[in-house]
Amino acid sequence: MTAVTIYHNPKCGTSRNTLALIRNAGVEPTVVLYVETPPARAELETLIREMKISVRDVLRRKGTPYDELNLDDAAWTDAQLLDLMLAHPILINRPIVVTPWGTRLCRPSEAVLEILPLPQLNEFMKEDGERVIDAQGQRVV
């Protein structure tokens, strides 16, 4: 069994599509409902480091207190932004997926295929009807 973890928000379509693509590869991942159970600070720092993106790149704006907190202000340090993400986990963009092949913020959802190079078992369409995997298990480009 391949060890895969998804930091998931079931209210997010991108997160649901990513989870479905993982399962379409025959993998049942560990699902972390990060809004309810946020990662520890060290774990969040490790995820960001492994994704090779900035702390700011992990911030989610839509549907969060981003604007209320004025997080566009460049004066916020990475440490302060991490503190805010831990205090308001909805600020953490999703889904973040960890596989043996890498860690990635999977936006769009099919980005998970870059770190989950296992065969897709069935045709797959996103919730909006966009076809991602054809009947032969190949990615539709």
N, C-alpha and C. Protein backbone atom coordinates (compact mmCIF):
# COMPACT_ATOMS: atom_id res chain seq x y z
N MET A 1 0.83 -1.18 0.00
CA MET A 1 0.00 0.00 0.00
C MET A 1 0.88 1.25 0.00
N THR A 2 0.53 2.21 -0.81
CA THR A 2 1.27 3.46 -0.90
C THR A 2 0.77 4.42 0.16
N ALA A 3 1.69 4.98 0.94
CA ALA A 3 1.32 5.93 1.98
C ALA A 3 1.09 7.31 1.37
N VAL A 4 -0.14 7.79 1.46
CA VAL A 4 -0.52 9.10 0.95
C VAL A 4 -1.33 9.79 2.04
N THR A 5 -1.05 11.07 2.22
CA THR A 5 -1.81 11.89 3.17
C THR A 5 -2.35 13.09 2.43
N ILE A 6 -3.61 13.42 2.67
CA ILE A 6 -4.22 14.61 2.10
C ILE A 6 -4.73 15.48 3.23
N TYR A 7 -4.33 16.75 3.22
CA TYR A 7 -4.87 17.75 4.14
C TYR A 7 -6.09 18.30 3.42
N HIS A 8 -7.25 17.91 3.91
CA HIS A 8 -8.50 17.98 3.16
C HIS A 8 -9.53 18.86 3.85
N ASN A 9 -10.30 19.55 3.01
CA ASN A 9 -11.47 20.26 3.48
C ASN A 9 -12.63 19.76 2.63
N PRO A 10 -13.54 18.97 3.21
CA PRO A 10 -14.62 18.38 2.42
C PRO A 10 -15.59 19.41 1.84
N LYS A 11 -15.51 20.66 2.28
CA LYS A 11 -16.36 21.72 1.72
C LYS A 11 -15.79 22.28 0.42
N CYS A 12 -14.57 21.89 0.07
CA CYS A 12 -13.87 22.43 -1.10
C CYS A 12 -13.93 21.44 -2.26
N GLY A 13 -14.45 21.89 -3.40
CA GLY A 13 -14.53 21.03 -4.58
C GLY A 13 -13.18 20.56 -5.07
N THR A 14 -12.18 21.43 -5.06
CA THR A 14 -10.84 21.03 -5.49
C THR A 14 -10.30 19.93 -4.59
N SER A 15 -10.54 20.07 -3.30
CA SER A 15 -10.08 19.06 -2.35
C SER A 15 -10.82 17.74 -2.57
N ARG A 16 -12.12 17.80 -2.79
CA ARG A 16 -12.90 16.57 -3.04
C ARG A 16 -12.43 15.90 -4.33
N ASN A 17 -12.18 16.68 -5.39
CA ASN A 17 -11.70 16.11 -6.65
C ASN A 17 -10.33 15.47 -6.48
N THR A 18 -9.46 16.11 -5.72
CA THR A 18 -8.12 15.56 -5.48
C THR A 18 -8.21 14.24 -4.73
N LEU A 19 -9.03 14.20 -3.70
CA LEU A 19 -9.23 12.96 -2.94
C LEU A 19 -9.76 11.86 -3.85
N ALA A 20 -10.69 12.20 -4.73
CA ALA A 20 -11.25 11.21 -5.66
C ALA A 20 -10.19 10.69 -6.64
N LEU A 21 -9.29 11.56 -7.10
CA LEU A 21 -8.22 11.12 -8.00
C LEU A 21 -7.26 10.17 -7.28
N ILE A 22 -6.97 10.45 -6.03
CA ILE A 22 -6.11 9.54 -5.25
C ILE A 22 -6.77 8.17 -5.15
N ARG A 23 -8.04 8.17 -4.82
CA ARG A 23 -8.78 6.91 -4.70
C ARG A 23 -8.91 6.21 -6.06
N ASN A 24 -8.96 6.98 -7.14
CA ASN A 24 -9.04 6.40 -8.48
C ASN A 24 -7.75 5.68 -8.86
N ALA A 25 -6.68 5.93 -8.10
CA ALA A 25 -5.41 5.20 -8.30
C ALA A 25 -5.34 3.98 -7.39
N GLY A 26 -6.43 3.69 -6.70
CA GLY A 26 -6.47 2.52 -5.82
C GLY A 26 -5.84 2.74 -4.47
N VAL A 27 -5.68 3.99 -4.08
CA VAL A 27 -5.04 4.32 -2.81
C VAL A 27 -6.08 4.91 -1.86
N GLU A 28 -6.12 4.40 -0.65
CA GLU A 28 -6.96 5.00 0.39
C GLU A 28 -6.02 5.81 1.28
N PRO A 29 -6.06 7.15 1.13
CA PRO A 29 -5.11 7.99 1.86
C PRO A 29 -5.52 8.21 3.31
N THR A 30 -4.56 8.69 4.07
CA THR A 30 -4.86 9.24 5.39
C THR A 30 -5.44 10.62 5.13
N VAL A 31 -6.63 10.87 5.64
CA VAL A 31 -7.31 12.14 5.42
C VAL A 31 -7.22 12.96 6.71
N VAL A 32 -6.57 14.12 6.59
CA VAL A 32 -6.46 15.03 7.72
C VAL A 32 -7.42 16.18 7.48
N LEU A 33 -8.44 16.27 8.32
CA LEU A 33 -9.39 17.38 8.23
C LEU A 33 -8.76 18.56 8.96
N TYR A 34 -7.90 19.26 8.23
CA TYR A 34 -7.01 20.24 8.85
C TYR A 34 -7.73 21.44 9.47
N VAL A 35 -8.96 21.75 9.04
CA VAL A 35 -9.68 22.86 9.66
C VAL A 35 -10.07 22.47 11.09
N GLU A 36 -10.43 21.20 11.26
CA GLU A 36 -10.80 20.70 12.59
C GLU A 36 -9.58 20.34 13.42
N THR A 37 -8.57 19.77 12.76
CA THR A 37 -7.35 19.33 13.43
C THR A 37 -6.15 19.88 12.67
N PRO A 38 -5.80 21.15 12.94
CA PRO A 38 -4.68 21.74 12.19
C PRO A 38 -3.36 21.05 12.50
N PRO A 39 -2.45 21.07 11.54
CA PRO A 39 -1.14 20.47 11.80
C PRO A 39 -0.38 21.28 12.85
N ALA A 40 0.54 20.63 13.52
CA ALA A 40 1.42 21.35 14.45
C ALA A 40 2.30 22.29 13.63
N ARG A 41 2.82 23.29 14.28
CA ARG A 41 3.64 24.29 13.58
C ARG A 41 4.80 23.64 12.82
N ALA A 42 5.51 22.72 13.48
CA ALA A 42 6.66 22.07 12.82
C ALA A 42 6.21 21.28 11.60
N GLU A 43 5.04 20.65 11.69
CA GLU A 43 4.51 19.89 10.56
C GLU A 43 4.16 20.82 9.40
N LEU A 44 3.53 21.96 9.70
CA LEU A 44 3.19 22.92 8.66
C LEU A 44 4.45 23.49 8.01
N GLU A 45 5.45 23.79 8.81
CA GLU A 45 6.73 24.28 8.28
C GLU A 45 7.36 23.24 7.36
N THR A 46 7.32 21.97 7.76
CA THR A 46 7.88 20.90 6.94
C THR A 46 7.13 20.78 5.62
N LEU A 47 5.81 20.83 5.67
CA LEU A 47 5.01 20.74 4.43
C LEU A 47 5.39 21.86 3.47
N ILE A 48 5.49 23.08 3.98
CA ILE A 48 5.83 24.23 3.13
C ILE A 48 7.23 24.06 2.55
N ARG A 49 8.16 23.63 3.37
CA ARG A 49 9.54 23.42 2.89
C ARG A 49 9.57 22.34 1.80
N GLU A 50 8.83 21.23 2.02
CA GLU A 50 8.81 20.15 1.04
C GLU A 50 8.13 20.56 -0.27
N MET A 51 7.17 21.47 -0.19
CA MET A 51 6.50 21.95 -1.41
C MET A 51 7.36 22.95 -2.17
N LYS A 52 8.39 23.46 -1.49
CA LYS A 52 9.31 24.44 -2.09
C LYS A 52 8.55 25.69 -2.55
N ILE A 53 7.64 26.15 -1.69
CA ILE A 53 6.92 27.39 -1.95
C ILE A 53 7.02 28.26 -0.70
N SER A 54 6.65 29.50 -0.84
CA SER A 54 6.73 30.42 0.29
C SER A 54 5.53 30.24 1.21
N VAL A 55 5.69 30.73 2.43
CA VAL A 55 4.58 30.71 3.38
C VAL A 55 3.39 31.45 2.78
N ARG A 56 3.64 32.59 2.16
CA ARG A 56 2.56 33.37 1.54
C ARG A 56 1.81 32.58 0.47
N ASP A 57 2.52 31.70 -0.24
CA ASP A 57 1.88 30.91 -1.29
C ASP A 57 0.90 29.88 -0.74
N VAL A 58 0.95 29.63 0.56
CA VAL A 58 0.06 28.66 1.18
C VAL A 58 -1.20 29.35 1.74
N LEU A 59 -1.18 30.67 1.79
CA LEU A 59 -2.34 31.40 2.31
C LEU A 59 -3.51 31.33 1.35
N ARG A 60 -4.68 31.10 1.90
CA ARG A 60 -5.92 31.13 1.12
C ARG A 60 -6.65 32.42 1.45
N ARG A 61 -7.15 33.06 0.44
CA ARG A 61 -7.84 34.33 0.62
C ARG A 61 -9.36 34.16 0.66
N LYS A 62 -9.90 33.46 -0.33
CA LYS A 62 -11.35 33.32 -0.48
C LYS A 62 -11.97 32.58 0.71
N GLY A 63 -13.01 33.18 1.28
CA GLY A 63 -13.73 32.53 2.37
C GLY A 63 -12.96 32.45 3.68
N THR A 64 -12.01 33.34 3.86
CA THR A 64 -11.16 33.34 5.07
C THR A 64 -11.09 34.76 5.64
N PRO A 65 -10.46 34.91 6.81
CA PRO A 65 -10.27 36.26 7.36
C PRO A 65 -9.05 37.00 6.78
N TYR A 66 -8.58 36.58 5.62
CA TYR A 66 -7.39 37.16 4.99
C TYR A 66 -7.49 38.68 4.90
N ASP A 67 -8.59 39.17 4.31
CA ASP A 67 -8.73 40.62 4.13
C ASP A 67 -8.91 41.34 5.46
N GLU A 68 -9.69 40.76 6.36
CA GLU A 68 -9.90 41.37 7.69
C GLU A 68 -8.58 41.54 8.42
N LEU A 69 -7.69 40.57 8.24
CA LEU A 69 -6.39 40.61 8.92
C LEU A 69 -5.35 41.41 8.15
N ASN A 70 -5.73 41.90 6.95
CA ASN A 70 -4.83 42.69 6.11
C ASN A 70 -3.54 41.92 5.78
N LEU A 71 -3.71 40.68 5.35
CA LEU A 71 -2.54 39.82 5.10
C LEU A 71 -1.81 40.17 3.81
N ASP A 72 -2.35 41.11 3.04
CA ASP A 72 -1.60 41.62 1.88
C ASP A 72 -0.40 42.45 2.31
N ASP A 73 -0.44 42.94 3.53
CA ASP A 73 0.62 43.79 4.05
C ASP A 73 1.93 43.00 4.11
N ALA A 74 2.93 43.50 3.41
CA ALA A 74 4.23 42.82 3.35
C ALA A 74 4.97 42.82 4.69
N ALA A 75 4.46 43.57 5.66
CA ALA A 75 5.12 43.65 6.97
C ALA A 75 4.98 42.35 7.76
N TRP A 76 3.99 41.52 7.42
CA TRP A 76 3.84 40.25 8.12
C TRP A 76 5.04 39.35 7.84
N THR A 77 5.64 38.82 8.89
CA THR A 77 6.77 37.89 8.72
C THR A 77 6.22 36.49 8.50
N ASP A 78 7.07 35.60 8.00
CA ASP A 78 6.66 34.20 7.84
C ASP A 78 6.20 33.61 9.16
N ALA A 79 6.92 33.91 10.24
CA ALA A 79 6.56 33.37 11.55
C ALA A 79 5.18 33.87 11.97
N GLN A 80 4.89 35.13 11.72
CA GLN A 80 3.57 35.67 12.06
C GLN A 80 2.48 35.04 11.20
N LEU A 81 2.77 34.84 9.91
CA LEU A 81 1.79 34.22 9.03
C LEU A 81 1.50 32.79 9.46
N LEU A 82 2.54 32.06 9.85
CA LEU A 82 2.35 30.70 10.37
C LEU A 82 1.48 30.71 11.62
N ASP A 83 1.74 31.66 12.52
CA ASP A 83 0.92 31.79 13.73
C ASP A 83 -0.55 31.99 13.36
N LEU A 84 -0.79 32.84 12.38
CA LEU A 84 -2.17 33.13 11.96
C LEU A 84 -2.81 31.91 11.30
N MET A 85 -2.05 31.17 10.51
CA MET A 85 -2.60 29.96 9.90
C MET A 85 -2.97 28.92 10.95
N LEU A 86 -2.19 28.85 12.00
CA LEU A 86 -2.50 27.90 13.07
C LEU A 86 -3.69 28.36 13.90
N ALA A 87 -3.82 29.68 14.06
CA ALA A 87 -4.96 30.23 14.80
C ALA A 87 -6.25 30.17 13.96
N HIS A 88 -6.09 30.29 12.64
CA HIS A 88 -7.22 30.27 11.70
C HIS A 88 -6.89 29.28 10.58
N PRO A 89 -7.04 27.97 10.83
CA PRO A 89 -6.61 26.97 9.84
C PRO A 89 -7.27 27.12 8.47
N ILE A 90 -8.39 27.80 8.39
CA ILE A 90 -9.04 28.01 7.09
C ILE A 90 -8.14 28.84 6.17
N LEU A 91 -7.16 29.54 6.74
CA LEU A 91 -6.20 30.30 5.94
C LEU A 91 -5.22 29.41 5.18
N ILE A 92 -5.12 28.14 5.57
CA ILE A 92 -4.21 27.21 4.89
C ILE A 92 -4.88 26.75 3.60
N ASN A 93 -4.23 27.03 2.49
CA ASN A 93 -4.80 26.62 1.20
C ASN A 93 -4.77 25.10 1.09
N ARG A 94 -5.68 24.58 0.32
CA ARG A 94 -5.84 23.14 0.20
C ARG A 94 -6.18 22.75 -1.20
N PRO A 95 -6.03 21.46 -1.43
CA PRO A 95 -5.52 20.40 -0.58
C PRO A 95 -4.00 20.29 -0.69
N ILE A 96 -3.39 19.94 0.39
CA ILE A 96 -1.96 19.60 0.38
C ILE A 96 -1.90 18.08 0.43
N VAL A 97 -1.11 17.51 -0.48
CA VAL A 97 -0.99 16.05 -0.56
C VAL A 97 0.48 15.66 -0.40
N VAL A 98 0.69 14.62 0.41
CA VAL A 98 2.03 14.07 0.63
C VAL A 98 2.03 12.64 0.13
N THR A 99 2.97 12.32 -0.78
CA THR A 99 3.14 10.97 -1.30
C THR A 99 4.62 10.62 -1.24
N PRO A 100 4.97 9.37 -1.51
CA PRO A 100 6.39 9.03 -1.57
C PRO A 100 7.13 9.78 -2.68
N TRP A 101 6.40 10.35 -3.63
CA TRP A 101 7.01 11.05 -4.77
C TRP A 101 7.04 12.56 -4.60
N GLY A 102 6.53 13.06 -3.49
CA GLY A 102 6.59 14.50 -3.26
C GLY A 102 5.41 15.03 -2.45
N THR A 103 5.50 16.31 -2.19
CA THR A 103 4.47 17.03 -1.45
C THR A 103 4.06 18.21 -2.31
N ARG A 104 2.74 18.44 -2.38
CA ARG A 104 2.27 19.48 -3.31
C ARG A 104 0.95 20.07 -2.85
N LEU A 105 0.80 21.37 -3.11
CA LEU A 105 -0.49 22.03 -3.01
C LEU A 105 -1.18 21.72 -4.33
N CYS A 106 -2.24 20.95 -4.28
CA CYS A 106 -2.86 20.41 -5.51
C CYS A 106 -3.99 21.31 -6.00
N ARG A 107 -3.59 22.41 -6.58
CA ARG A 107 -4.49 23.34 -7.23
C ARG A 107 -3.92 23.58 -8.61
N PRO A 108 -4.52 23.11 -9.65
CA PRO A 108 -5.78 22.39 -9.71
C PRO A 108 -5.63 20.95 -9.20
N SER A 109 -6.76 20.29 -9.04
CA SER A 109 -6.76 18.96 -8.43
C SER A 109 -5.89 17.96 -9.19
N GLU A 110 -5.83 18.07 -10.52
CA GLU A 110 -5.05 17.10 -11.28
C GLU A 110 -3.54 17.24 -11.06
N ALA A 111 -3.11 18.27 -10.35
CA ALA A 111 -1.69 18.40 -9.98
C ALA A 111 -1.24 17.21 -9.13
N VAL A 112 -2.19 16.54 -8.48
CA VAL A 112 -1.84 15.37 -7.68
C VAL A 112 -1.22 14.28 -8.54
N LEU A 113 -1.56 14.24 -9.82
CA LEU A 113 -1.03 13.19 -10.70
C LEU A 113 0.49 13.30 -10.86
N GLU A 114 1.04 14.50 -10.63
CA GLU A 114 2.49 14.70 -10.74
C GLU A 114 3.24 14.05 -9.58
N ILE A 115 2.57 13.85 -8.45
CA ILE A 115 3.22 13.24 -7.29
C ILE A 115 2.59 11.90 -6.92
N LEU A 116 1.73 11.41 -7.81
CA LEU A 116 1.10 10.10 -7.61
C LEU A 116 1.11 9.38 -8.96
N PRO A 117 2.30 8.91 -9.38
CA PRO A 117 2.44 8.34 -10.72
C PRO A 117 1.94 6.90 -10.83
N LEU A 118 0.89 6.59 -10.10
CA LEU A 118 0.27 5.27 -10.19
C LEU A 118 -0.79 5.29 -11.27
N PRO A 119 -1.08 4.16 -11.89
CA PRO A 119 -2.11 4.14 -12.92
C PRO A 119 -3.48 4.51 -12.35
N GLN A 120 -4.21 5.29 -13.11
CA GLN A 120 -5.59 5.59 -12.77
C GLN A 120 -6.42 4.39 -13.20
N LEU A 121 -7.32 3.96 -12.36
CA LEU A 121 -8.04 2.71 -12.59
C LEU A 121 -9.28 2.87 -13.46
N ASN A 122 -9.86 4.07 -13.45
CA ASN A 122 -11.11 4.30 -14.17
C ASN A 122 -11.11 5.69 -14.78
N GLU A 123 -12.05 5.90 -15.66
CA GLU A 123 -12.28 7.24 -16.18
C GLU A 123 -12.61 8.15 -14.99
N PHE A 124 -12.23 9.42 -15.09
CA PHE A 124 -12.50 10.35 -14.00
C PHE A 124 -12.91 11.70 -14.54
N MET A 125 -14.00 12.20 -13.99
CA MET A 125 -14.46 13.55 -14.29
C MET A 125 -14.57 14.32 -12.99
N LYS A 126 -14.16 15.59 -13.04
CA LYS A 126 -14.32 16.45 -11.88
C LYS A 126 -15.81 16.68 -11.62
N GLU A 127 -16.09 17.21 -10.47
CA GLU A 127 -17.48 17.50 -10.11
C GLU A 127 -18.16 18.42 -11.11
N ASP A 128 -17.39 19.30 -11.76
CA ASP A 128 -17.97 20.23 -12.73
C ASP A 128 -18.14 19.60 -14.12
N GLY A 129 -17.80 18.32 -14.24
CA GLY A 129 -17.96 17.61 -15.51
C GLY A 129 -16.71 17.58 -16.38
N GLU A 130 -15.65 18.30 -15.99
CA GLU A 130 -14.42 18.28 -16.78
C GLU A 130 -13.79 16.90 -16.72
N ARG A 131 -13.53 16.32 -17.88
CA ARG A 131 -12.92 15.00 -17.97
C ARG A 131 -11.41 15.13 -17.79
N VAL A 132 -10.87 14.38 -16.82
CA VAL A 132 -9.45 14.44 -16.51
C VAL A 132 -8.74 13.16 -16.93
N ILE A 133 -9.42 12.01 -16.74
CA ILE A 133 -8.86 10.70 -17.08
C ILE A 133 -9.83 10.02 -18.03
N ASP A 134 -9.30 9.48 -19.13
CA ASP A 134 -10.17 8.81 -20.10
C ASP A 134 -10.45 7.36 -19.70
N ALA A 135 -11.23 6.66 -20.51
CA ALA A 135 -11.63 5.29 -20.19
C ALA A 135 -10.46 4.31 -20.13
N GLN A 136 -9.33 4.68 -20.74
CA GLN A 136 -8.14 3.83 -20.70
C GLN A 136 -7.21 4.19 -19.53
N GLY A 137 -7.66 5.10 -18.68
CA GLY A 137 -6.85 5.50 -17.52
C GLY A 137 -5.78 6.52 -17.84
N GLN A 138 -5.88 7.15 -19.02
CA GLN A 138 -4.88 8.13 -19.44
C GLN A 138 -5.38 9.54 -19.16
N ARG A 139 -4.44 10.42 -18.83
CA ARG A 139 -4.80 11.82 -18.57
C ARG A 139 -5.23 12.49 -19.87
N VAL A 140 -6.32 13.23 -19.79
CA VAL A 140 -6.83 14.00 -20.92
C VAL A 140 -6.16 15.36 -20.85
N VAL A 141 -5.52 15.74 -21.94
CA VAL A 141 -4.81 17.01 -21.94
C VAL A 141 -5.55 18.05 -22.75
